[in-house]
């Protein structure tokens, strides 16, 4: 696991309001933590609630 992958996993697990269930849904939909952070808010809202999707705003810097 490289540094950017570890960073994305940690960020996903520490994102407020996003529990294990939501994280599993996101991973099933997008494949990896890095891919989750590359999604638009609209794409995230297709999978999780509005509040959970908004928790990812500002983390697009993890998209690599």
N, C-alpha and C. Protein backbone atom coordinates (compact mmCIF):
# COMPACT_ATOMS: atom_id res chain seq x y z
N UNK A 1 0.85 -1.17 0.00
CA UNK A 1 0.00 0.00 0.00
C UNK A 1 0.90 1.23 0.00
N UNK A 2 0.68 2.10 -0.97
CA UNK A 2 1.50 3.31 -1.02
C UNK A 2 0.90 4.40 -0.13
N UNK A 3 1.63 5.46 0.00
CA UNK A 3 1.24 6.55 0.91
C UNK A 3 -0.11 7.17 0.56
N UNK A 4 -0.37 7.41 -0.72
CA UNK A 4 -1.63 8.03 -1.11
C UNK A 4 -2.82 7.10 -0.84
N UNK A 5 -2.61 5.80 -1.03
CA UNK A 5 -3.68 4.85 -0.75
C UNK A 5 -3.97 4.81 0.75
N UNK A 6 -2.93 4.78 1.56
CA UNK A 6 -3.10 4.78 3.01
C UNK A 6 -3.81 6.06 3.47
N UNK A 7 -3.41 7.18 2.90
CA UNK A 7 -4.02 8.47 3.23
C UNK A 7 -5.52 8.44 2.94
N UNK A 8 -5.90 7.89 1.79
CA UNK A 8 -7.32 7.83 1.42
C UNK A 8 -8.10 6.89 2.35
N UNK A 9 -7.52 5.75 2.70
CA UNK A 9 -8.17 4.82 3.63
C UNK A 9 -8.39 5.50 4.99
N UNK A 10 -7.37 6.18 5.48
CA UNK A 10 -7.50 6.85 6.77
C UNK A 10 -8.54 7.96 6.71
N UNK A 11 -8.51 8.74 5.67
CA UNK A 11 -9.49 9.83 5.53
C UNK A 11 -10.91 9.27 5.49
N UNK A 12 -11.11 8.19 4.74
CA UNK A 12 -12.43 7.58 4.66
C UNK A 12 -12.89 7.12 6.04
N UNK A 13 -12.02 6.45 6.77
CA UNK A 13 -12.40 5.92 8.08
C UNK A 13 -12.61 7.02 9.11
N UNK A 14 -12.03 8.19 8.90
CA UNK A 14 -12.13 9.29 9.86
C UNK A 14 -13.13 10.37 9.46
N UNK A 15 -13.78 10.22 8.32
CA UNK A 15 -14.73 11.23 7.85
C UNK A 15 -15.96 11.23 8.75
N UNK A 16 -16.23 12.38 9.36
CA UNK A 16 -17.38 12.51 10.25
C UNK A 16 -18.68 12.20 9.53
N UNK A 17 -19.52 11.42 10.19
CA UNK A 17 -20.84 11.11 9.66
C UNK A 17 -20.87 9.95 8.69
N UNK A 18 -19.71 9.40 8.37
CA UNK A 18 -19.65 8.27 7.44
C UNK A 18 -19.21 7.04 8.22
N UNK A 19 -20.17 6.21 8.53
CA UNK A 19 -19.87 5.01 9.30
C UNK A 19 -19.46 3.85 8.41
N UNK A 20 -19.38 2.69 9.02
CA UNK A 20 -18.95 1.49 8.27
C UNK A 20 -19.92 1.13 7.15
N UNK A 21 -21.21 1.26 7.41
CA UNK A 21 -22.20 0.91 6.39
C UNK A 21 -22.10 1.80 5.15
N UNK A 22 -21.99 3.11 5.38
CA UNK A 22 -21.86 4.04 4.26
C UNK A 22 -20.54 3.83 3.53
N UNK A 23 -19.47 3.57 4.29
CA UNK A 23 -18.17 3.33 3.66
C UNK A 23 -18.23 2.09 2.78
N UNK A 24 -18.90 1.05 3.25
CA UNK A 24 -19.04 -0.17 2.42
C UNK A 24 -19.83 0.10 1.15
N UNK A 25 -20.90 0.89 1.26
CA UNK A 25 -21.69 1.24 0.07
C UNK A 25 -20.84 2.02 -0.93
N UNK A 26 -20.08 2.97 -0.42
CA UNK A 26 -19.23 3.78 -1.29
C UNK A 26 -18.16 2.93 -1.96
N UNK A 27 -17.54 2.05 -1.19
CA UNK A 27 -16.51 1.18 -1.76
C UNK A 27 -17.10 0.23 -2.81
N UNK A 28 -18.31 -0.27 -2.56
CA UNK A 28 -18.96 -1.15 -3.54
C UNK A 28 -19.27 -0.38 -4.83
N UNK A 29 -19.65 0.87 -4.68
CA UNK A 29 -20.01 1.68 -5.86
C UNK A 29 -18.81 2.17 -6.64
N UNK A 30 -17.73 2.56 -5.93
CA UNK A 30 -16.62 3.24 -6.59
C UNK A 30 -15.30 2.48 -6.58
N UNK A 31 -15.21 1.42 -5.80
CA UNK A 31 -14.06 0.53 -5.88
C UNK A 31 -12.91 0.75 -4.92
N UNK A 32 -12.59 1.98 -4.61
CA UNK A 32 -11.46 2.24 -3.72
C UNK A 32 -11.68 3.58 -3.03
N UNK A 33 -11.00 3.79 -1.91
CA UNK A 33 -11.12 5.10 -1.25
C UNK A 33 -10.69 6.25 -2.16
N UNK A 34 -9.62 6.04 -2.91
CA UNK A 34 -9.18 7.11 -3.81
C UNK A 34 -10.27 7.47 -4.81
N UNK A 35 -10.94 6.47 -5.34
CA UNK A 35 -12.01 6.73 -6.31
C UNK A 35 -13.17 7.47 -5.67
N UNK A 36 -13.46 7.17 -4.41
CA UNK A 36 -14.54 7.86 -3.70
C UNK A 36 -14.24 9.36 -3.66
N UNK A 37 -13.01 9.70 -3.32
CA UNK A 37 -12.64 11.11 -3.20
C UNK A 37 -12.56 11.83 -4.54
N UNK A 38 -12.64 11.10 -5.63
CA UNK A 38 -12.63 11.70 -6.97
C UNK A 38 -14.05 11.97 -7.49
N UNK A 39 -15.05 11.54 -6.75
CA UNK A 39 -16.43 11.66 -7.21
C UNK A 39 -17.00 13.05 -6.96
N UNK A 40 -17.97 13.41 -7.77
CA UNK A 40 -18.71 14.65 -7.56
C UNK A 40 -19.71 14.43 -6.43
N UNK A 41 -20.19 15.52 -5.88
CA UNK A 41 -21.21 15.42 -4.83
C UNK A 41 -22.45 14.71 -5.35
N UNK A 42 -22.82 14.97 -6.60
CA UNK A 42 -23.99 14.31 -7.19
C UNK A 42 -23.81 12.80 -7.24
N UNK A 43 -22.63 12.35 -7.62
CA UNK A 43 -22.36 10.91 -7.69
C UNK A 43 -22.41 10.29 -6.30
N UNK A 44 -21.85 10.99 -5.32
CA UNK A 44 -21.87 10.47 -3.95
C UNK A 44 -23.30 10.38 -3.41
N UNK A 45 -24.12 11.37 -3.75
CA UNK A 45 -25.52 11.37 -3.29
C UNK A 45 -26.34 10.24 -3.89
N UNK A 46 -25.87 9.66 -4.96
CA UNK A 46 -26.55 8.50 -5.54
C UNK A 46 -26.39 7.28 -4.64
N UNK A 47 -25.39 7.31 -3.77
CA UNK A 47 -25.03 6.14 -2.95
C UNK A 47 -25.33 6.35 -1.47
N UNK A 48 -25.05 7.55 -0.97
CA UNK A 48 -25.25 7.84 0.45
C UNK A 48 -26.11 9.11 0.59
N UNK A 49 -26.44 9.43 1.82
CA UNK A 49 -27.30 10.60 2.07
C UNK A 49 -26.61 11.91 1.70
N UNK A 50 -27.42 12.94 1.61
CA UNK A 50 -26.91 14.29 1.32
C UNK A 50 -25.88 14.72 2.36
N UNK A 51 -26.18 14.47 3.62
CA UNK A 51 -25.27 14.84 4.71
C UNK A 51 -23.95 14.08 4.59
N UNK A 52 -24.04 12.79 4.33
CA UNK A 52 -22.81 12.00 4.19
C UNK A 52 -22.01 12.45 2.97
N UNK A 53 -22.69 12.70 1.86
CA UNK A 53 -21.98 13.15 0.65
C UNK A 53 -21.29 14.49 0.89
N UNK A 54 -21.95 15.38 1.64
CA UNK A 54 -21.35 16.69 1.89
C UNK A 54 -20.11 16.59 2.78
N UNK A 55 -19.98 15.51 3.52
CA UNK A 55 -18.79 15.32 4.37
C UNK A 55 -17.52 15.19 3.53
N UNK A 56 -17.65 14.86 2.26
CA UNK A 56 -16.49 14.67 1.40
C UNK A 56 -16.06 15.95 0.67
N UNK A 57 -16.85 17.00 0.78
CA UNK A 57 -16.52 18.27 0.13
C UNK A 57 -15.22 18.78 0.69
N UNK A 58 -14.32 19.15 -0.18
CA UNK A 58 -13.04 19.68 0.24
C UNK A 58 -11.92 18.67 0.27
N UNK A 59 -12.24 17.40 0.02
CA UNK A 59 -11.21 16.37 0.05
C UNK A 59 -10.80 15.91 -1.34
N UNK A 60 -11.18 16.65 -2.38
CA UNK A 60 -10.80 16.26 -3.72
C UNK A 60 -9.29 16.25 -3.92
N UNK A 61 -8.55 16.84 -3.00
CA UNK A 61 -7.09 16.81 -3.05
C UNK A 61 -6.54 15.40 -2.89
N UNK A 62 -7.38 14.49 -2.38
CA UNK A 62 -6.96 13.10 -2.24
C UNK A 62 -7.16 12.31 -3.53
N UNK A 63 -7.78 12.93 -4.50
CA UNK A 63 -8.03 12.29 -5.79
C UNK A 63 -6.72 12.26 -6.57
N UNK A 64 -6.24 11.05 -6.85
CA UNK A 64 -4.97 10.95 -7.59
C UNK A 64 -5.09 9.95 -8.70
